[in-house]
Amino acid sequence: YRHFIAGKGDVHYDGTELRHGGVWKTVNNGTSFEPVFDRQSVSAIGALALAPSNPEILWVGTGDASCTRSAYWGDGVYKSPDGGKTWEHMGLSDTHHISRIVVHPANPQIVYVAALGRLYTENEERGIFKSPDGGRTWRKILYEGSLAGAVDLVMDRRNPDTLYAATYQCRRDGWRLHDGGPHSAIFKTTDGGATWSRLGSGLPGGTIGRIGLDLHRKNPAIIYAVIENRNERPPTENEAKQDRDRGVEPRNRIIGGEVYRSDDGGRAWRKMNSPQDDVSNKTGYAFNQIRVDPENPDRIFITGSSLIHSEDGGRTWIGLRNPQGRTFRLYGDGIPVTPNEPSGITLFYHLKEQAKEQVAVTIQDGRGEVIRILAAPGNPGLNRVAWDLNDANRRELPAGEYTAALQVGEKTVRQNVRILPQPAR
């Protein structure tokens, strides 16, 4: 299953794919949730988005955003002007599966929707759609044919007329999956979708599956793509031996998941992972999303049956062959490292199983001195602990670099934290 989280401050919304998950809202940083979408006609959720200029405006795209055989369909997009209290259906009913919604950072009337379309049949209501009037009217601005929908969409917030879109050629039969094709590709526009160019320098062609995109917030010229390359490669010596040991002729393999990076806004790309690292080795058609740490362009994450990440731009991976039981990240405002929130920040971490040892988060300053120890839960699954950005004596800490260390028994995982200067009052 998948979660989609959008929020600001203590208020967050969680859209869940688990057959039918709906939309849930928390006003206390996840301590409790309430459903806010139960009275609508569908509850399979593919995308959530808040208007950056007005977080009371919430958009929901319905329909599971995957090509799994159990993917439930939706009936278009919904909009709430009041934080989920009331909803209005805003059209695109025949898209069936919406994968991403992006709202202009300054003008909440401008909205983009990436739609996969129907899974079991061809249809034309798929691709990238744009509304200039808050969803009253829609125009299809990118279309790769009746077999390929749009699976991802990212915007350069410094220049919101620049967007990158990923299309995905995928169709289901009752008995098989047609995964990938030549219409899976990456596109770029610099004029708000009026024109698009297909990016290709350094990217693979042929039979391509699901693509995930993200860009670095501080330097949006840096873009990553995770690509499920469905083309074949010859077997390695070890794979050929395994085939012969089973009494069959050595056969070709699917290349699998690859990570590509561009440092010049998509003009040129280079492959980052080594050939033996298949970063989409479990159901790339269902996951294959990539995220870039806004503070560190070499720290990237990819979703799958487990969360894997790299600290060197994709050259090496943590959790790929032996999925980590414990991962530790910071979340806020929809990005991994949060700016100062009025009530501090919340540190999220994941434990594979119930911790048998004491769990704590230790805060250290730039000199390595411990300034705060936070008791933390050790439950299996997602855990959280709040830090008010104060030291042990409840004194407000100055702006600067700090380290948060998750300690589970003798094991420690560290994450850099930056406290920003308070704005002038």
Protein backbone atom coordinates (compact mmCIF):
# COMPACT_ATOMS: atom_id res chain seq x y z
CA TYR A 1 0.00 0.00 0.00
CA ARG A 2 1.07 3.63 -0.29
CA HIS A 3 0.64 6.84 1.69
CA PHE A 4 0.42 10.38 0.30
CA ILE A 5 1.11 13.09 2.85
CA ALA A 6 0.59 16.81 2.40
CA GLY A 7 0.63 19.39 5.14
CA LYS A 8 2.03 22.41 6.94
CA GLY A 9 2.76 22.97 10.59
CA ASP A 10 0.71 20.68 12.82
CA VAL A 11 -1.93 20.05 10.11
CA HIS A 12 -1.38 17.17 7.68
CA TYR A 13 -3.52 15.08 5.36
CA ASP A 14 -2.86 11.43 4.63
CA GLY A 15 -4.27 9.74 1.54
CA THR A 16 -4.00 5.96 1.73
CA GLU A 17 -4.03 3.26 -0.91
CA LEU A 18 -5.04 -0.02 0.74
CA ARG A 19 -7.92 -1.13 -1.45
CA HIS A 20 -9.98 1.86 -0.20
CA GLY A 21 -8.22 4.19 2.22
CA GLY A 22 -9.76 7.64 1.89
CA VAL A 23 -8.27 10.88 3.19
CA TRP A 24 -7.39 11.47 6.84
CA LYS A 25 -6.53 14.71 8.63
CA THR A 26 -4.44 15.42 11.71
CA VAL A 27 -4.21 18.77 13.50
CA ASN A 28 -1.68 17.59 16.12
CA ASN A 29 1.22 16.32 14.02
CA GLY A 30 -0.10 12.77 13.75
CA THR A 31 -1.15 12.05 17.33
CA SER A 32 -4.69 11.42 16.07
CA PHE A 33 -6.45 11.40 12.70
CA GLU A 34 -10.00 11.85 11.49
CA PRO A 35 -11.45 10.86 8.10
CA VAL A 36 -12.53 13.79 5.93
CA PHE A 37 -13.47 12.09 2.64
CA ASP A 38 -15.88 9.35 3.68
CA ARG A 39 -19.01 10.95 2.19
CA GLN A 40 -17.65 11.01 -1.35
CA SER A 41 -18.44 8.40 -4.01
CA VAL A 42 -14.97 6.82 -4.03
CA SER A 43 -12.19 6.36 -1.50
CA ALA A 44 -9.25 5.06 -3.57
CA ILE A 45 -6.71 7.89 -3.47
CA GLY A 46 -3.85 8.50 -5.90
CA ALA A 47 -2.72 12.05 -5.08
CA LEU A 48 -3.03 14.85 -2.52
CA ALA A 49 -1.96 18.48 -2.86
CA LEU A 50 -2.29 21.67 -0.84
CA ALA A 51 -2.19 25.11 -2.42
CA PRO A 52 1.14 26.55 -1.13
CA SER A 53 -0.37 30.04 -0.97
CA ASN A 54 -3.48 28.89 0.91
CA PRO A 55 -3.20 25.58 2.82
CA GLU A 56 -6.96 25.49 3.38
CA ILE A 57 -7.32 24.60 -0.31
CA LEU A 58 -6.90 20.82 -0.59
CA TRP A 59 -6.95 18.79 -3.81
CA VAL A 60 -7.55 15.05 -4.02
CA GLY A 61 -6.97 12.88 -7.08
CA THR A 62 -8.87 9.60 -6.93
CA GLY A 63 -8.00 6.12 -8.15
CA ASP A 64 -4.98 4.05 -7.12
CA ALA A 65 -1.90 5.41 -8.88
CA SER A 66 -0.50 2.04 -9.90
CA CYS A 67 -0.90 -0.74 -12.45
CA THR A 68 -1.53 -3.50 -9.94
CA ARG A 69 -4.34 -5.92 -10.70
CA SER A 70 -5.99 -4.85 -7.44
CA ALA A 71 -5.86 -1.12 -8.30
CA TYR A 72 -9.23 0.52 -7.66
CA TRP A 73 -10.46 3.23 -9.98
CA GLY A 74 -11.55 6.75 -9.16
CA ASP A 75 -13.83 9.35 -10.66
CA GLY A 76 -11.61 12.40 -11.09
CA VAL A 77 -10.47 15.25 -8.88
CA TYR A 78 -12.03 16.86 -5.81
CA LYS A 79 -11.36 20.22 -4.19
CA SER A 80 -11.95 21.42 -0.65
CA PRO A 81 -11.73 25.18 0.07
CA ASP A 82 -11.92 24.74 3.85
CA GLY A 83 -9.43 22.10 4.92
CA GLY A 84 -11.60 19.07 4.14
CA LYS A 85 -14.90 20.22 5.67
CA THR A 86 -16.67 20.42 2.31
CA TRP A 87 -15.84 19.02 -1.12
CA GLU A 88 -16.68 19.73 -4.73
CA HIS A 89 -16.11 17.36 -7.62
CA MET A 90 -14.04 19.22 -10.23
CA GLY A 91 -14.22 16.86 -13.19
CA LEU A 92 -11.82 14.57 -15.10
CA SER A 93 -14.11 11.66 -14.25
CA ASP A 94 -12.78 9.31 -16.93
CA THR A 95 -9.13 9.58 -15.87
CA HIS A 96 -9.81 6.67 -13.45
CA HIS A 97 -6.30 6.83 -11.88
CA ILE A 98 -4.66 10.13 -10.92
CA SER A 99 -1.01 10.01 -9.94
CA ARG A 100 -0.05 13.60 -9.13
CA ILE A 101 -1.52 17.06 -8.54
CA VAL A 102 0.65 20.19 -8.57
CA VAL A 103 -0.62 23.64 -7.57
CA HIS A 104 1.09 26.89 -8.56
CA PRO A 105 3.01 28.25 -5.55
CA ALA A 106 1.60 31.79 -5.82
CA ASN A 107 -1.65 31.43 -7.79
CA PRO A 108 -3.97 28.71 -6.39
CA GLN A 109 -6.14 28.95 -9.48
CA ILE A 110 -3.48 27.28 -11.62
CA VAL A 111 -3.57 23.51 -11.12
CA TYR A 112 -1.91 20.62 -12.98
CA VAL A 113 -3.05 16.98 -12.89
CA ALA A 114 -1.16 13.89 -14.04
CA ALA A 115 -3.55 11.06 -14.95
CA LEU A 116 -2.83 7.45 -15.87
CA GLY A 117 -6.21 6.79 -17.46
CA ARG A 118 -8.06 3.49 -17.57
CA LEU A 119 -5.97 0.39 -16.85
CA TYR A 120 -7.89 -2.29 -18.74
CA THR A 121 -8.92 -0.33 -21.83
CA GLU A 122 -7.68 2.52 -23.97
CA ASN A 123 -9.10 5.99 -23.43
CA GLU A 124 -8.23 9.59 -24.23
CA GLU A 125 -8.74 11.22 -20.83
CA ARG A 126 -5.17 10.65 -19.70
CA GLY A 127 -1.93 12.63 -19.69
CA ILE A 128 -1.29 16.08 -18.17
CA PHE A 129 -4.19 18.47 -17.63
CA LYS A 130 -4.12 22.14 -16.65
CA SER A 131 -6.77 24.37 -15.13
CA PRO A 132 -6.36 28.17 -15.11
CA ASP A 133 -9.47 28.76 -12.99
CA GLY A 134 -9.31 26.51 -9.95
CA GLY A 135 -10.70 23.42 -11.67
CA ARG A 136 -13.71 24.93 -13.41
CA THR A 137 -12.23 24.12 -16.81
CA TRP A 138 -9.45 21.76 -17.88
CA ARG A 139 -7.24 21.54 -20.94
CA LYS A 140 -5.14 18.51 -21.87
CA ILE A 141 -1.61 19.84 -22.43
CA LEU A 142 0.43 16.62 -22.79
CA TYR A 143 -0.83 13.44 -24.42
CA GLU A 144 1.19 10.42 -25.54
CA GLY A 145 -1.68 8.43 -26.96
CA SER A 146 -4.48 6.22 -25.68
CA LEU A 147 -2.13 3.62 -24.16
CA ALA A 148 0.16 5.91 -22.13
CA GLY A 149 -0.85 8.05 -19.18
CA ALA A 150 1.09 10.48 -16.99
CA VAL A 151 2.56 8.95 -13.84
CA ASP A 152 4.58 11.82 -12.32
CA LEU A 153 4.91 15.59 -12.44
CA VAL A 154 7.28 17.99 -10.66
CA MET A 155 7.49 21.78 -10.73
CA ASP A 156 10.39 24.18 -10.34
CA ARG A 157 8.95 26.40 -7.60
CA ARG A 158 11.39 29.19 -8.42
CA ASN A 159 10.08 29.22 -11.97
CA PRO A 160 6.63 27.59 -11.87
CA ASP A 161 6.25 27.63 -15.65
CA THR A 162 8.95 24.94 -15.74
CA LEU A 163 7.63 21.42 -15.14
CA TYR A 164 8.86 17.89 -15.79
CA ALA A 165 6.41 15.09 -16.58
CA ALA A 166 6.80 11.33 -16.85
CA THR A 167 4.51 9.28 -19.05
CA TYR A 168 3.91 5.57 -18.58
CA GLN A 169 2.76 3.02 -21.15
CA CYS A 170 0.91 0.32 -19.25
CA ARG A 171 -2.21 -1.78 -19.77
CA ARG A 172 -3.80 -4.64 -17.88
CA ASP A 173 -5.57 -7.70 -19.22
CA GLY A 174 -7.43 -9.98 -16.92
CA TRP A 175 -4.61 -12.50 -17.24
CA ARG A 176 -1.44 -10.42 -17.81
CA LEU A 177 0.29 -7.04 -17.50
CA HIS A 178 1.59 -5.15 -20.55
CA ASP A 179 4.24 -3.20 -18.70
CA GLY A 180 6.27 -0.59 -20.53
CA GLY A 181 6.81 0.61 -24.05
CA PRO A 182 8.28 3.40 -26.19
CA HIS A 183 5.73 5.95 -24.97
CA SER A 184 7.12 5.91 -21.42
CA ALA A 185 9.30 9.03 -21.39
CA ILE A 186 10.26 12.27 -19.64
CA PHE A 187 9.06 15.65 -20.93
CA LYS A 188 9.83 19.25 -20.02
CA THR A 189 7.98 22.52 -20.47
CA THR A 190 9.22 26.03 -19.75
CA ASP A 191 6.01 27.85 -20.67
CA GLY A 192 3.44 26.34 -18.34
CA GLY A 193 2.56 23.45 -20.64
CA ALA A 194 2.01 25.34 -23.89
CA THR A 195 4.87 23.37 -25.46
CA TRP A 196 6.80 20.28 -24.36
CA SER A 197 10.10 18.70 -25.35
CA ARG A 198 10.89 15.04 -24.92
CA LEU A 199 14.15 14.57 -23.00
CA GLY A 200 16.51 11.86 -24.13
CA SER A 201 20.21 12.64 -24.03
CA GLY A 202 21.64 9.84 -21.89
CA LEU A 203 18.25 8.26 -21.06
CA PRO A 204 17.34 4.71 -22.15
CA GLY A 205 14.85 4.06 -24.93
CA GLY A 206 12.90 1.04 -26.08
CA THR A 207 10.65 -0.73 -23.60
CA ILE A 208 10.49 1.55 -20.55
CA GLY A 209 8.22 1.03 -17.56
CA ARG A 210 7.24 3.32 -14.72
CA ILE A 211 9.27 6.52 -14.15
CA GLY A 212 9.52 8.60 -10.99
CA LEU A 213 10.85 12.17 -10.89
CA ASP A 214 12.11 14.67 -8.35
CA LEU A 215 14.28 17.76 -8.37
CA HIS A 216 16.50 19.39 -5.77
CA ARG A 217 14.69 22.30 -4.11
CA LYS A 218 17.80 24.47 -3.60
CA ASN A 219 19.16 23.84 -7.08
CA PRO A 220 16.29 22.81 -9.37
CA ALA A 221 18.69 22.24 -12.26
CA ILE A 222 19.48 18.94 -10.51
CA ILE A 223 16.85 16.35 -11.46
CA TYR A 224 16.65 12.65 -10.70
CA ALA A 225 14.64 9.95 -12.45
CA VAL A 226 14.09 6.37 -11.34
CA ILE A 227 13.32 4.33 -14.46
CA GLU A 228 12.15 0.75 -14.71
CA ASN A 229 14.12 -0.34 -17.77
CA ARG A 230 12.21 -3.28 -19.28
CA ASN A 231 14.77 -3.96 -22.01
CA GLU A 232 16.78 -7.17 -21.80
CA ARG A 233 20.44 -7.75 -20.99
CA PRO A 234 22.62 -10.86 -21.22
CA PRO A 235 22.91 -12.95 -18.06
CA THR A 236 25.90 -12.54 -15.79
CA GLU A 237 28.25 -15.52 -15.34
CA ASN A 238 26.58 -16.36 -12.05
CA GLU A 239 23.08 -16.11 -13.56
CA ALA A 240 24.10 -18.29 -16.51
CA LYS A 241 25.47 -20.90 -14.09
CA GLN A 242 22.20 -20.85 -12.13
CA ASP A 243 20.26 -21.49 -15.34
CA ARG A 244 22.50 -24.38 -16.35
CA ASP A 245 22.25 -25.87 -12.85
CA ARG A 246 18.48 -25.91 -13.34
CA GLY A 247 18.88 -27.68 -16.68
CA VAL A 248 17.90 -24.75 -18.92
CA GLU A 249 19.80 -22.64 -21.41
CA PRO A 250 21.02 -19.30 -20.03
CA ARG A 251 18.40 -16.66 -20.71
CA ASN A 252 18.39 -12.88 -20.86
CA ARG A 253 17.17 -10.81 -17.93
CA ILE A 254 15.24 -7.55 -17.62
CA ILE A 255 17.63 -4.68 -16.87
CA GLY A 256 15.38 -3.42 -14.06
CA GLY A 257 15.39 -0.23 -12.05
CA GLU A 258 17.92 2.48 -12.86
CA VAL A 259 18.61 5.96 -11.49
CA TYR A 260 19.55 8.83 -13.78
CA ARG A 261 20.65 12.34 -12.85
CA SER A 262 20.78 15.60 -14.76
CA ASP A 263 22.65 18.68 -13.51
CA ASP A 264 21.54 21.01 -16.30
CA GLY A 265 17.75 20.98 -16.24
CA GLY A 266 17.33 17.77 -18.23
CA ARG A 267 19.55 18.51 -21.22
CA ALA A 268 21.96 15.68 -20.41
CA TRP A 269 21.59 12.65 -18.13
CA ARG A 270 23.94 10.07 -16.68
CA LYS A 271 23.22 6.74 -15.09
CA MET A 272 24.10 6.69 -11.39
CA ASN A 273 23.59 3.13 -10.10
CA SER A 274 25.84 0.19 -10.84
CA PRO A 275 24.55 -2.57 -13.17
CA GLN A 276 24.03 -5.06 -10.34
CA ASP A 277 21.77 -2.67 -8.39
CA ASP A 278 18.16 -3.10 -9.52
CA VAL A 279 16.48 -0.30 -7.55
CA SER A 280 13.01 -1.39 -8.74
CA ASN A 281 13.42 -5.06 -7.90
CA LYS A 282 9.97 -5.35 -6.33
CA THR A 283 6.89 -4.20 -8.29
CA GLY A 284 8.26 -1.12 -9.98
CA TYR A 285 4.85 -0.69 -11.62
CA ALA A 286 3.33 -0.07 -8.19
CA PHE A 287 6.00 2.08 -6.53
CA ASN A 288 9.05 3.63 -8.27
CA GLN A 289 8.91 7.06 -6.67
CA ILE A 290 12.09 8.99 -5.92
CA ARG A 291 12.70 11.85 -3.47
CA VAL A 292 15.69 14.18 -3.10
CA ASP A 293 16.73 15.68 0.22
CA PRO A 294 16.29 19.46 -0.26
CA GLU A 295 19.44 20.10 1.78
CA ASN A 296 21.65 17.47 0.15
CA PRO A 297 21.36 16.69 -3.57
CA ASP A 298 23.28 13.41 -3.14
CA ARG A 299 20.81 11.97 -0.60
CA ILE A 300 17.96 10.27 -2.44
CA PHE A 301 15.20 7.81 -1.54
CA ILE A 302 13.21 5.29 -3.61
CA THR A 303 9.99 3.60 -2.58
CA GLY A 304 9.38 -0.11 -3.04
CA SER A 305 8.59 -3.08 -0.85
CA SER A 306 11.05 -1.29 1.48
CA LEU A 307 12.48 2.22 1.49
CA ILE A 308 16.01 2.34 0.10
CA HIS A 309 18.30 5.35 0.08
CA SER A 310 21.66 6.55 -1.17
CA GLU A 311 24.06 9.09 0.29
CA ASP A 312 26.17 9.45 -2.86
CA GLY A 313 23.70 10.25 -5.60
CA GLY A 314 22.80 6.64 -6.36
CA ARG A 315 26.23 5.05 -6.70
CA THR A 316 25.69 2.87 -3.62
CA TRP A 317 22.49 1.94 -1.77
CA ILE A 318 21.43 1.25 1.79
CA GLY A 319 18.65 -1.29 2.27
CA LEU A 320 18.64 -2.66 -1.28
CA ARG A 321 19.76 -6.24 -0.66
CA ASN A 322 19.04 -6.42 3.04
CA PRO A 323 16.16 -4.00 3.65
CA GLN A 324 16.86 -1.89 6.68
CA GLY A 325 14.86 -2.70 9.74
CA ARG A 326 15.33 0.86 10.94
CA THR A 327 15.20 4.02 8.90
CA PHE A 328 15.29 7.51 10.35
CA ARG A 329 14.19 10.64 8.57
CA LEU A 330 12.80 14.08 9.28
CA TYR A 331 9.58 15.20 7.65
CA GLY A 332 7.72 18.51 7.49
CA ASP A 333 6.00 20.66 4.87
CA GLY A 334 6.08 17.62 2.58
CA ILE A 335 9.90 17.55 2.38
CA PRO A 336 12.43 15.50 4.34
CA VAL A 337 14.06 18.37 6.26
CA THR A 338 11.67 20.94 7.63
CA PRO A 339 12.04 24.66 8.21
CA ASN A 340 11.31 25.86 11.74
CA GLU A 341 7.70 25.26 12.65
CA PRO A 342 5.95 27.37 15.29
CA SER A 343 5.75 24.36 17.61
CA GLY A 344 9.11 22.87 16.63
CA ILE A 345 9.54 19.86 14.37
CA THR A 346 8.54 16.23 14.47
CA LEU A 347 11.12 13.50 13.91
CA PHE A 348 9.73 10.42 12.20
CA TYR A 349 11.43 7.03 12.10
CA HIS A 350 10.47 3.49 11.20
CA LEU A 351 11.14 0.29 13.15
CA LYS A 352 10.68 -3.10 11.55
CA GLU A 353 9.73 -4.71 14.84
CA GLN A 354 9.13 -3.86 18.48
CA ALA A 355 12.35 -2.51 19.99
CA LYS A 356 13.71 -4.68 22.78
CA GLU A 357 16.06 -1.93 23.94
CA GLN A 358 15.54 1.67 25.00
CA VAL A 359 14.88 4.11 22.16
CA ALA A 360 15.95 7.76 22.33
CA VAL A 361 16.76 10.69 20.07
CA THR A 362 19.84 12.67 21.11
CA ILE A 363 20.37 16.21 19.87
CA GLN A 364 23.95 17.45 19.52
CA ASP A 365 25.28 20.87 18.61
CA GLY A 366 27.99 21.59 16.05
CA ARG A 367 30.74 20.78 18.58
CA GLY A 368 29.25 17.36 19.27
CA GLU A 369 27.97 18.24 22.75
CA VAL A 370 24.69 16.64 23.80
CA ILE A 371 22.12 19.36 24.44
CA ARG A 372 18.88 17.36 24.59
CA ILE A 373 17.77 13.74 24.93
CA LEU A 374 14.23 12.91 23.81
CA ALA A 375 12.55 9.72 24.99
CA ALA A 376 11.10 7.98 21.96
CA PRO A 377 8.64 5.12 21.37
CA GLY A 378 9.85 1.75 20.10
CA ASN A 379 6.74 0.45 18.38
CA PRO A 380 6.86 -1.49 15.10
CA GLY A 381 6.11 0.72 12.12
CA LEU A 382 6.19 4.51 11.93
CA ASN A 383 7.09 6.36 15.15
CA ARG A 384 7.48 10.04 15.93
CA VAL A 385 8.90 12.29 18.59
CA ALA A 386 8.50 16.07 18.82
CA TRP A 387 11.36 18.50 19.41
CA ASP A 388 10.55 22.10 20.28
CA LEU A 389 14.00 23.33 19.13
CA ASN A 390 14.96 24.06 22.74
CA ASP A 391 17.77 22.61 24.85
CA ALA A 392 17.40 20.53 28.03
CA ASN A 393 16.71 23.69 30.06
CA ARG A 394 13.97 24.72 27.61
CA ARG A 395 16.09 27.56 26.28
CA GLU A 396 15.62 28.50 22.66
CA LEU A 397 18.56 27.32 20.57
CA PRO A 398 20.38 29.63 18.19
CA ALA A 399 20.30 29.11 14.45
CA GLY A 400 22.90 26.68 13.15
CA GLU A 401 23.76 23.07 12.38
CA TYR A 402 22.75 20.27 14.76
CA THR A 403 22.64 16.48 14.69
CA ALA A 404 19.71 14.26 15.66
CA ALA A 405 20.77 10.70 16.51
CA LEU A 406 18.25 7.87 16.77
CA GLN A 407 19.53 5.32 19.28
CA VAL A 408 18.04 1.83 19.56
CA GLY A 409 20.13 -0.11 22.02
CA GLU A 410 23.68 -0.01 20.69
CA LYS A 411 22.69 1.03 17.17
CA THR A 412 22.66 4.69 16.11
CA VAL A 413 21.54 6.49 12.96
CA ARG A 414 22.34 10.19 12.57
CA GLN A 415 20.70 12.97 10.61
CA ASN A 416 21.84 16.57 10.22
CA VAL A 417 19.34 19.25 11.27
CA ARG A 418 19.50 22.94 10.47
CA ILE A 419 17.73 25.53 12.62
CA LEU A 420 17.03 28.61 10.57
CA PRO A 421 17.24 32.19 11.88
CA GLN A 422 13.96 33.55 13.16
CA PRO A 423 12.47 36.09 10.73
CA ALA A 424 12.60 39.68 11.87
CA ARG A 425 9.46 40.73 13.66
